[in-house]
Amino acid sequence: MSIEQRPPSTDSLATRAKVAVVVPATNTVVQPEMEAMRPAGVTNHVTRMRLPPRPYDDQEAYKQALRTEKGELEEALELVLLCEPHVVAHGHSIHSFRGDGEQALAEERRLEKLSGIPFVTPSRAVLAGLEAVGRPKRIAVLTPYWPPADEMIAAFFTACGYEVVHTHGLKSTGPTAVARFGAEQILQGFDTVDHPRAEALVHVGTNLPVSALTPAIEKRRGKPLIGVNVATYWLALRRLGITEPLPGMGLLAETH
């Protein structure tokens, strides 16, 4: 697919940068979370992509969908790039955790070539976040997913040189249901996934509302948390040279 590329531009509100944000059509968390992180002079511009349903009640079909499903990312990009943004932050995580680090890098480069501007994928952002906090070798990963997705994510991090000491999926019964997990359920999820050997916590699953809870989770567990939405928006800004802290979003966003 060929997409029209335009030079990025500023405007009266976006005096520093415009951030294009691509989310699944069912996602209701990325947009408000990234808006809460937005610095002065930066504006966010959200576009939505269709995704086929993933059958959580048939684990074999669910596993197959993880390997093969393709959403309408290019079609969403075609629309949002018309507003002349400076960077794309992709608010859909699971596809970017297929394979290993080399595959993730190749996909990010493909999307950057297609877009003509920096493109931040969630898996690459989480890896960058882990590097920024000192590259802890042993991690525990919380997701809203079912075992096949948790296994795929663990395999990705293992291939990237991390030891995944524990994973825990909240087993959401559908994409919009992910956003209905409350703060106490999420805190309990991190209590469950944490492990004495884990040096850091990771969150994957962009519709799970974790970002604003990050400081509380880090204090409660005594470990850094690299959450997928915080990491993606943080890296999008950093790639534009915007380096001020993002208050209330935890260690990564506030100190790196």
C-alpha atoms as a PDB file:
ATOM      1  CA  MET A   1       0.000   0.000   0.000  1.00  0.00           C
ATOM      2  CA  SER A   2       1.282   3.470  -0.877  1.00  0.00           C
ATOM      3  CA  ILE A   3       0.528   6.243   1.616  1.00  0.00           C
ATOM      4  CA  GLU A   4       0.861   9.951   0.923  1.00  0.00           C
ATOM      5  CA  GLN A   5       3.709  11.374   2.980  1.00  0.00           C
ATOM      6  CA  ARG A   6       3.655  15.026   4.028  1.00  0.00           C
ATOM      7  CA  PRO A   7       6.289  17.049   5.909  1.00  0.00           C
ATOM      8  CA  PRO A   8       5.408  17.460   9.600  1.00  0.00           C
ATOM      9  CA  SER A   9       4.024  20.860  10.544  1.00  0.00           C
ATOM     10  CA  THR A  10       3.317  22.816  13.710  1.00  0.00           C
ATOM     11  CA  ASP A  11       0.290  24.999  14.340  1.00  0.00           C
ATOM     12  CA  SER A  12      -1.222  27.356  16.900  1.00  0.00           C
ATOM     13  CA  LEU A  13      -1.754  24.619  19.491  1.00  0.00           C
ATOM     14  CA  ALA A  14       0.953  22.188  18.394  1.00  0.00           C
ATOM     15  CA  THR A  15       3.806  24.655  18.731  1.00  0.00           C
ATOM     16  CA  ARG A  16       6.279  21.815  19.393  1.00  0.00           C
ATOM     17  CA  ALA A  17       4.903  18.650  17.811  1.00  0.00           C
ATOM     18  CA  LYS A  18       1.904  16.608  16.718  1.00  0.00           C
ATOM     19  CA  VAL A  19       1.706  12.977  17.812  1.00  0.00           C
ATOM     20  CA  ALA A  20      -0.361  10.572  15.719  1.00  0.00           C
ATOM     21  CA  VAL A  21      -1.813   7.802  17.877  1.00  0.00           C
ATOM     22  CA  VAL A  22      -3.137   4.609  16.260  1.00  0.00           C
ATOM     23  CA  VAL A  23      -5.486   2.480  18.382  1.00  0.00           C
ATOM     24  CA  PRO A  24      -7.833  -0.437  17.767  1.00  0.00           C
ATOM     25  CA  ALA A  25     -11.433   0.657  17.226  1.00  0.00           C
ATOM     26  CA  THR A  26     -12.403  -0.989  20.521  1.00  0.00           C
ATOM     27  CA  ASN A  27      -9.691   0.689  22.610  1.00  0.00           C
ATOM     28  CA  THR A  28     -10.905   3.322  25.074  1.00  0.00           C
ATOM     29  CA  VAL A  29      -7.819   3.642  27.316  1.00  0.00           C
ATOM     30  CA  VAL A  30      -4.884   4.711  25.124  1.00  0.00           C
ATOM     31  CA  GLN A  31      -6.445   8.019  24.080  1.00  0.00           C
ATOM     32  CA  PRO A  32      -7.163   9.376  27.594  1.00  0.00           C
ATOM     33  CA  GLU A  33      -3.931   7.967  29.039  1.00  0.00           C
ATOM     34  CA  MET A  34      -1.760   9.559  26.367  1.00  0.00           C
ATOM     35  CA  GLU A  35      -3.701  12.801  26.665  1.00  0.00           C
ATOM     36  CA  ALA A  36      -2.894  12.806  30.399  1.00  0.00           C
ATOM     37  CA  MET A  37       0.822  12.524  29.520  1.00  0.00           C
ATOM     38  CA  ARG A  38       0.797  15.241  26.848  1.00  0.00           C
ATOM     39  CA  PRO A  39       3.222  18.134  27.477  1.00  0.00           C
ATOM     40  CA  ALA A  40       2.395  21.744  26.684  1.00  0.00           C
ATOM     41  CA  GLY A  41       2.804  22.564  23.009  1.00  0.00           C
ATOM     42  CA  VAL A  42       2.203  18.946  21.921  1.00  0.00           C
ATOM     43  CA  THR A  43      -1.104  17.720  20.508  1.00  0.00           C
ATOM     44  CA  ASN A  44      -2.291  14.137  20.046  1.00  0.00           C
ATOM     45  CA  HIS A  45      -4.298  12.996  17.023  1.00  0.00           C
ATOM     46  CA  VAL A  46      -6.021   9.622  17.302  1.00  0.00           C
ATOM     47  CA  THR A  47      -6.994   7.324  14.461  1.00  0.00           C
ATOM     48  CA  ARG A  48      -8.720   3.954  14.814  1.00  0.00           C
ATOM     49  CA  MET A  49      -8.020   0.662  13.097  1.00  0.00           C
ATOM     50  CA  ARG A  50     -10.304  -2.312  12.652  1.00  0.00           C
ATOM     51  CA  LEU A  51      -9.166  -5.638  14.060  1.00  0.00           C
ATOM     52  CA  PRO A  52     -10.751  -9.060  13.561  1.00  0.00           C
ATOM     53  CA  PRO A  53     -12.256 -10.576  16.736  1.00  0.00           C
ATOM     54  CA  ARG A  54      -9.962 -12.932  18.647  1.00  0.00           C
ATOM     55  CA  PRO A  55     -12.003 -15.924  19.927  1.00  0.00           C
ATOM     56  CA  TYR A  56     -11.031 -16.150  23.609  1.00  0.00           C
ATOM     57  CA  ASP A  57     -13.478 -19.054  24.087  1.00  0.00           C
ATOM     58  CA  ASP A  58     -11.523 -21.238  21.604  1.00  0.00           C
ATOM     59  CA  GLN A  59      -7.874 -21.325  22.652  1.00  0.00           C
ATOM     60  CA  GLU A  60      -6.618 -23.003  19.483  1.00  0.00           C
ATOM     61  CA  ALA A  61      -8.320 -20.408  17.303  1.00  0.00           C
ATOM     62  CA  TYR A  62      -7.046 -17.707  19.664  1.00  0.00           C
ATOM     63  CA  LYS A  63      -3.496 -18.990  19.264  1.00  0.00           C
ATOM     64  CA  GLN A  64      -3.830 -19.073  15.478  1.00  0.00           C
ATOM     65  CA  ALA A  65      -5.192 -15.513  15.438  1.00  0.00           C
ATOM     66  CA  LEU A  66      -2.164 -14.284  17.371  1.00  0.00           C
ATOM     67  CA  ARG A  67       0.089 -15.582  14.613  1.00  0.00           C
ATOM     68  CA  THR A  68      -1.899 -14.493  11.588  1.00  0.00           C
ATOM     69  CA  GLU A  69      -4.429 -11.728  12.317  1.00  0.00           C
ATOM     70  CA  LYS A  70      -3.886  -8.442  10.495  1.00  0.00           C
ATOM     71  CA  GLY A  71      -5.669  -5.237  11.337  1.00  0.00           C
ATOM     72  CA  GLU A  72      -6.277  -2.234   9.106  1.00  0.00           C
ATOM     73  CA  LEU A  73      -3.209  -0.337  10.314  1.00  0.00           C
ATOM     74  CA  GLU A  74      -2.231   1.022   6.919  1.00  0.00           C
ATOM     75  CA  GLU A  75      -5.741   2.355   6.311  1.00  0.00           C
ATOM     76  CA  ALA A  76      -5.689   4.129   9.694  1.00  0.00           C
ATOM     77  CA  LEU A  77      -2.277   5.597   8.934  1.00  0.00           C
ATOM     78  CA  GLU A  78      -3.443   6.881   5.578  1.00  0.00           C
ATOM     79  CA  LEU A  79      -5.984   9.054   7.367  1.00  0.00           C
ATOM     80  CA  VAL A  80      -3.972  10.346  10.316  1.00  0.00           C
ATOM     81  CA  LEU A  81      -0.858  11.230   8.327  1.00  0.00           C
ATOM     82  CA  LEU A  82      -2.881  13.875   6.503  1.00  0.00           C
ATOM     83  CA  CYS A  83      -2.684  16.074   9.621  1.00  0.00           C
ATOM     84  CA  GLU A  84       1.134  16.231   9.190  1.00  0.00           C
ATOM     85  CA  PRO A  85       2.273  14.705  12.505  1.00  0.00           C
ATOM     86  CA  HIS A  86       5.877  14.397  13.658  1.00  0.00           C
ATOM     87  CA  VAL A  87       5.731  10.860  15.080  1.00  0.00           C
ATOM     88  CA  VAL A  88       3.378   7.882  15.273  1.00  0.00           C
ATOM     89  CA  ALA A  89       2.719   6.135  18.596  1.00  0.00           C
ATOM     90  CA  HIS A  90       1.092   2.752  18.022  1.00  0.00           C
ATOM     91  CA  GLY A  91      -1.421   1.953  20.743  1.00  0.00           C
ATOM     92  CA  HIS A  92      -1.873  -1.727  19.870  1.00  0.00           C
ATOM     93  CA  SER A  93       0.635  -4.015  21.490  1.00  0.00           C
ATOM     94  CA  ILE A  94       0.133  -7.717  20.836  1.00  0.00           C
ATOM     95  CA  HIS A  95       1.131  -7.764  17.142  1.00  0.00           C
ATOM     96  CA  SER A  96       4.468  -6.118  17.931  1.00  0.00           C
ATOM     97  CA  PHE A  97       5.449  -8.957  20.297  1.00  0.00           C
ATOM     98  CA  ARG A  98       5.519 -11.584  17.569  1.00  0.00           C
ATOM     99  CA  GLY A  99       8.866 -13.272  17.031  1.00  0.00           C
ATOM    100  CA  ASP A 100      11.976 -11.653  18.448  1.00  0.00           C
ATOM    101  CA  GLY A 101      13.770  -8.319  18.660  1.00  0.00           C
ATOM    102  CA  GLU A 102      15.007  -8.452  15.076  1.00  0.00           C
ATOM    103  CA  GLN A 103      11.504  -9.045  13.770  1.00  0.00           C
ATOM    104  CA  ALA A 104      10.197  -6.170  15.892  1.00  0.00           C
ATOM    105  CA  LEU A 105      12.909  -3.854  14.577  1.00  0.00           C
ATOM    106  CA  ALA A 106      12.198  -4.860  10.985  1.00  0.00           C
ATOM    107  CA  GLU A 107       8.484  -4.143  11.452  1.00  0.00           C
ATOM    108  CA  GLU A 108       9.194  -0.762  13.026  1.00  0.00           C
ATOM    109  CA  ARG A 109      11.485   0.153  10.118  1.00  0.00           C
ATOM    110  CA  ARG A 110       8.818  -0.957   7.613  1.00  0.00           C
ATOM    111  CA  LEU A 111       6.245   1.267   9.302  1.00  0.00           C
ATOM    112  CA  GLU A 112       8.650   4.212   9.457  1.00  0.00           C
ATOM    113  CA  LYS A 113       9.343   3.872   5.740  1.00  0.00           C
ATOM    114  CA  LEU A 114       5.605   3.696   5.074  1.00  0.00           C
ATOM    115  CA  SER A 115       4.887   6.733   7.258  1.00  0.00           C
ATOM    116  CA  GLY A 116       7.944   8.838   6.456  1.00  0.00           C
ATOM    117  CA  ILE A 117       8.280   9.832  10.136  1.00  0.00           C
ATOM    118  CA  PRO A 118       9.377   8.063  13.334  1.00  0.00           C
ATOM    119  CA  PHE A 119       7.059   5.210  14.254  1.00  0.00           C
ATOM    120  CA  VAL A 120       7.065   3.806  17.808  1.00  0.00           C
ATOM    121  CA  THR A 121       5.839   0.256  18.299  1.00  0.00           C
ATOM    122  CA  PRO A 122       4.923  -0.983  21.794  1.00  0.00           C
ATOM    123  CA  SER A 123       7.391  -3.857  21.959  1.00  0.00           C
ATOM    124  CA  ARG A 124      10.306  -1.657  20.932  1.00  0.00           C
ATOM    125  CA  ALA A 125       9.173   1.004  23.405  1.00  0.00           C
ATOM    126  CA  VAL A 126       9.062  -1.464  26.298  1.00  0.00           C
ATOM    127  CA  LEU A 127      12.543  -2.704  25.389  1.00  0.00           C
ATOM    128  CA  ALA A 128      13.779   0.913  25.324  1.00  0.00           C
ATOM    129  CA  GLY A 129      12.150   1.511  28.692  1.00  0.00           C
ATOM    130  CA  LEU A 130      13.859  -1.505  30.214  1.00  0.00           C
ATOM    131  CA  GLU A 131      17.180  -0.284  28.859  1.00  0.00           C
ATOM    132  CA  ALA A 132      16.581   3.178  30.318  1.00  0.00           C
ATOM    133  CA  VAL A 133      15.993   1.864  33.861  1.00  0.00           C
ATOM    134  CA  GLY A 134      19.197  -0.203  33.806  1.00  0.00           C
ATOM    135  CA  ARG A 135      18.179  -3.292  31.817  1.00  0.00           C
ATOM    136  CA  PRO A 136      17.028  -5.508  34.695  1.00  0.00           C
ATOM    137  CA  LYS A 137      17.530  -9.076  33.515  1.00  0.00           C
ATOM    138  CA  ARG A 138      14.624 -10.767  35.294  1.00  0.00           C
ATOM    139  CA  ILE A 139      11.084  -9.509  34.659  1.00  0.00           C
ATOM    140  CA  ALA A 140       7.492 -10.380  35.540  1.00  0.00           C
ATOM    141  CA  VAL A 141       4.799  -9.562  32.967  1.00  0.00           C
ATOM    142  CA  LEU A 142       1.116  -8.722  33.539  1.00  0.00           C
ATOM    143  CA  THR A 143      -1.345  -8.817  30.620  1.00  0.00           C
ATOM    144  CA  PRO A 144      -5.121  -8.829  30.117  1.00  0.00           C
ATOM    145  CA  TYR A 145      -4.728 -11.858  27.843  1.00  0.00           C
ATOM    146  CA  TRP A 146      -5.089 -15.638  27.848  1.00  0.00           C
ATOM    147  CA  PRO A 147      -2.229 -18.197  28.057  1.00  0.00           C
ATOM    148  CA  PRO A 148      -1.344 -18.362  24.323  1.00  0.00           C
ATOM    149  CA  ALA A 149      -0.729 -14.595  24.250  1.00  0.00           C
ATOM    150  CA  ASP A 150       1.179 -14.675  27.535  1.00  0.00           C
ATOM    151  CA  GLU A 151       3.390 -17.437  26.145  1.00  0.00           C
ATOM    152  CA  MET A 152       4.066 -15.471  22.950  1.00  0.00           C
ATOM    153  CA  ILE A 153       5.033 -12.352  24.933  1.00  0.00           C
ATOM    154  CA  ALA A 154       7.280 -14.354  27.271  1.00  0.00           C
ATOM    155  CA  ALA A 155       8.980 -15.947  24.261  1.00  0.00           C
ATOM    156  CA  PHE A 156       9.595 -12.495  22.786  1.00  0.00           C
ATOM    157  CA  PHE A 157      11.317 -11.201  25.911  1.00  0.00           C
ATOM    158  CA  THR A 158      13.287 -14.431  26.263  1.00  0.00           C
ATOM    159  CA  ALA A 159      14.519 -14.049  22.683  1.00  0.00           C
ATOM    160  CA  CYS A 160      15.579 -10.491  23.579  1.00  0.00           C
ATOM    161  CA  GLY A 161      17.768 -11.742  26.420  1.00  0.00           C
ATOM    162  CA  TYR A 162      15.450 -11.341  29.406  1.00  0.00           C
ATOM    163  CA  GLU A 163      14.460 -14.003  31.899  1.00  0.00           C
ATOM    164  CA  VAL A 164      10.693 -13.974  32.351  1.00  0.00           C
ATOM    165  CA  VAL A 165      10.254 -15.312  35.875  1.00  0.00           C
ATOM    166  CA  HIS A 166       6.444 -15.079  35.891  1.00  0.00           C
ATOM    167  CA  THR A 167       3.534 -14.072  33.670  1.00  0.00           C
ATOM    168  CA  HIS A 168      -0.067 -13.513  34.670  1.00  0.00           C
ATOM    169  CA  GLY A 169      -2.972 -12.894  32.303  1.00  0.00           C
ATOM    170  CA  LEU A 170      -6.243 -11.432  33.553  1.00  0.00           C
ATOM    171  CA  LYS A 171      -8.176 -13.408  30.924  1.00  0.00           C
ATOM    172  CA  SER A 172     -10.359 -10.655  29.554  1.00  0.00           C
ATOM    173  CA  THR A 173     -13.547 -11.835  27.862  1.00  0.00           C
ATOM    174  CA  GLY A 174     -13.206  -9.447  24.938  1.00  0.00           C
ATOM    175  CA  PRO A 175     -11.411  -6.268  23.844  1.00  0.00           C
ATOM    176  CA  THR A 176     -13.750  -3.723  25.469  1.00  0.00           C
ATOM    177  CA  ALA A 177     -13.852  -5.794  28.669  1.00  0.00           C
ATOM    178  CA  VAL A 178     -10.134  -5.098  29.191  1.00  0.00           C
ATOM    179  CA  ALA A 179     -10.900  -1.459  30.002  1.00  0.00           C
ATOM    180  CA  ARG A 180     -13.373  -2.494  32.711  1.00  0.00           C
ATOM    181  CA  PHE A 181     -10.739  -3.929  35.032  1.00  0.00           C
ATOM    182  CA  GLY A 182     -10.637  -1.642  38.060  1.00  0.00           C
ATOM    183  CA  ALA A 183      -7.704  -0.316  40.044  1.00  0.00           C
ATOM    184  CA  GLU A 184      -7.973  -2.944  42.771  1.00  0.00           C
ATOM    185  CA  GLN A 185      -8.067  -5.787  40.229  1.00  0.00           C
ATOM    186  CA  ILE A 186      -4.998  -4.373  38.514  1.00  0.00           C
ATOM    187  CA  LEU A 187      -3.112  -3.932  41.792  1.00  0.00           C
ATOM    188  CA  GLN A 188      -3.968  -7.497  42.743  1.00  0.00           C
ATOM    189  CA  GLY A 189      -2.804  -8.615  39.306  1.00  0.00           C
ATOM    190  CA  PHE A 190       0.619  -7.105  39.939  1.00  0.00           C
ATOM    191  CA  ASP A 191       0.684  -8.661  43.411  1.00  0.00           C
ATOM    192  CA  THR A 192       0.039 -12.028  41.747  1.00  0.00           C
ATOM    193  CA  VAL A 193       2.575 -11.672  38.942  1.00  0.00           C
ATOM    194  CA  ASP A 194       5.395 -10.288  41.067  1.00  0.00           C
ATOM    195  CA  HIS A 195       8.101 -12.764  42.035  1.00  0.00           C
ATOM    196  CA  PRO A 196      11.001 -12.503  44.506  1.00  0.00           C
ATOM    197  CA  ARG A 197      13.476 -12.934  41.642  1.00  0.00           C
ATOM    198  CA  ALA A 198      11.864 -10.313  39.402  1.00  0.00           C
ATOM    199  CA  GLU A 199      13.861  -7.095  39.166  1.00  0.00           C
ATOM    200  CA  ALA A 200      11.217  -5.197  37.203  1.00  0.00           C
ATOM    201  CA  LEU A 201       7.557  -5.431  36.261  1.00  0.00           C
ATOM    202  CA  VAL A 202       6.212  -5.126  32.716  1.00  0.00           C
ATOM    203  CA  HIS A 203       2.665  -4.466  31.535  1.00  0.00           C
ATOM    204  CA  VAL A 204       1.512  -5.404  28.020  1.00  0.00           C
ATOM    205  CA  GLY A 205      -2.018  -4.729  26.754  1.00  0.00           C
ATOM    206  CA  THR A 206      -2.855  -1.160  25.774  1.00  0.00           C
ATOM    207  CA  ASN A 207      -6.531  -1.187  26.825  1.00  0.00           C
ATOM    208  CA  LEU A 208      -5.673  -2.087  30.429  1.00  0.00           C
ATOM    209  CA  PRO A 209      -5.716   1.187  32.449  1.00  0.00           C
ATOM    210  CA  VAL A 210      -2.363   0.928  34.221  1.00  0.00           C
ATOM    211  CA  SER A 211      -0.563   4.207  33.450  1.00  0.00           C
ATOM    212  CA  ALA A 212      -1.878   6.411  36.263  1.00  0.00           C
ATOM    213  CA  LEU A 213      -1.418   3.540  38.740  1.00  0.00           C
ATOM    214  CA  THR A 214       2.283   3.201  37.934  1.00  0.00           C
ATOM    215  CA  PRO A 215       3.659   5.169  40.927  1.00  0.00           C
ATOM    216  CA  ALA A 216       1.403   3.269  43.345  1.00  0.00           C
ATOM    217  CA  ILE A 217       2.409  -0.096  41.868  1.00  0.00           C
ATOM    218  CA  GLU A 218       6.111   0.777  41.979  1.00  0.00           C
ATOM    219  CA  LYS A 219       5.804   1.857  45.611  1.00  0.00           C
ATOM    220  CA  ARG A 220       3.740  -1.203  46.554  1.00  0.00           C
ATOM    221  CA  ARG A 221       6.079  -3.692  44.878  1.00  0.00           C
ATOM    222  CA  GLY A 222       9.377  -1.810  45.287  1.00  0.00           C
ATOM    223  CA  LYS A 223      10.318  -2.304  41.630  1.00  0.00           C
ATOM    224  CA  PRO A 224      10.189  -0.276  38.396  1.00  0.00           C
ATOM    225  CA  LEU A 225       7.190  -0.848  36.163  1.00  0.00           C
ATOM    226  CA  ILE A 226       7.526  -0.496  32.399  1.00  0.00           C
ATOM    227  CA  GLY A 227       3.946  -0.098  31.217  1.00  0.00           C
ATOM    228  CA  VAL A 228       3.233  -0.314  27.530  1.00  0.00           C
ATOM    229  CA  ASN A 229       1.314   2.956  27.125  1.00  0.00           C
ATOM    230  CA  VAL A 230       3.716   4.998  29.220  1.00  0.00           C
ATOM    231  CA  ALA A 231       6.710   3.519  27.397  1.00  0.00           C
ATOM    232  CA  THR A 232       5.203   4.118  23.947  1.00  0.00           C
ATOM    233  CA  TYR A 233       4.313   7.761  24.556  1.00  0.00           C
ATOM    234  CA  TRP A 234       7.550   8.405  26.466  1.00  0.00           C
ATOM    235  CA  LEU A 235       9.628   7.061  23.576  1.00  0.00           C
ATOM    236  CA  ALA A 236       7.587   8.972  20.976  1.00  0.00           C
ATOM    237  CA  LEU A 237       8.384  12.227  22.770  1.00  0.00           C
ATOM    238  CA  ARG A 238      12.015  11.327  23.369  1.00  0.00           C
ATOM    239  CA  ARG A 239      12.496  10.537  19.688  1.00  0.00           C
ATOM    240  CA  LEU A 240      11.402  14.106  18.972  1.00  0.00           C
ATOM    241  CA  GLY A 241      13.861  15.522  21.496  1.00  0.00           C
ATOM    242  CA  ILE A 242      11.128  16.365  24.025  1.00  0.00           C
ATOM    243  CA  THR A 243      12.755  15.365  27.287  1.00  0.00           C
ATOM    244  CA  GLU A 244      10.856  16.899  30.197  1.00  0.00           C
ATOM    245  CA  PRO A 245       9.444  14.579  32.889  1.00  0.00           C
ATOM    246  CA  LEU A 246       5.907  13.231  32.549  1.00  0.00           C
ATOM    247  CA  PRO A 247       4.549  13.723  36.089  1.00  0.00           C
ATOM    248  CA  GLY A 248       2.561  11.004  37.819  1.00  0.00           C
ATOM    249  CA  MET A 249       3.567   8.257  35.404  1.00  0.00           C
ATOM    250  CA  GLY A 250       6.320   6.492  37.349  1.00  0.00           C
ATOM    251  CA  LEU A 251      10.069   6.084  37.290  1.00  0.00           C
ATOM    252  CA  LEU A 252      10.598   5.764  33.549  1.00  0.00           C
ATOM    253  CA  ALA A 253       8.527   8.777  32.532  1.00  0.00           C
ATOM    254  CA  GLU A 254       9.569  11.006  35.393  1.00  0.00           C
ATOM    255  CA  THR A 255      13.330  10.433  35.470  1.00  0.00           C
ATOM    256  CA  HIS A 256      14.462   9.275  32.002  1.00  0.00           C
END
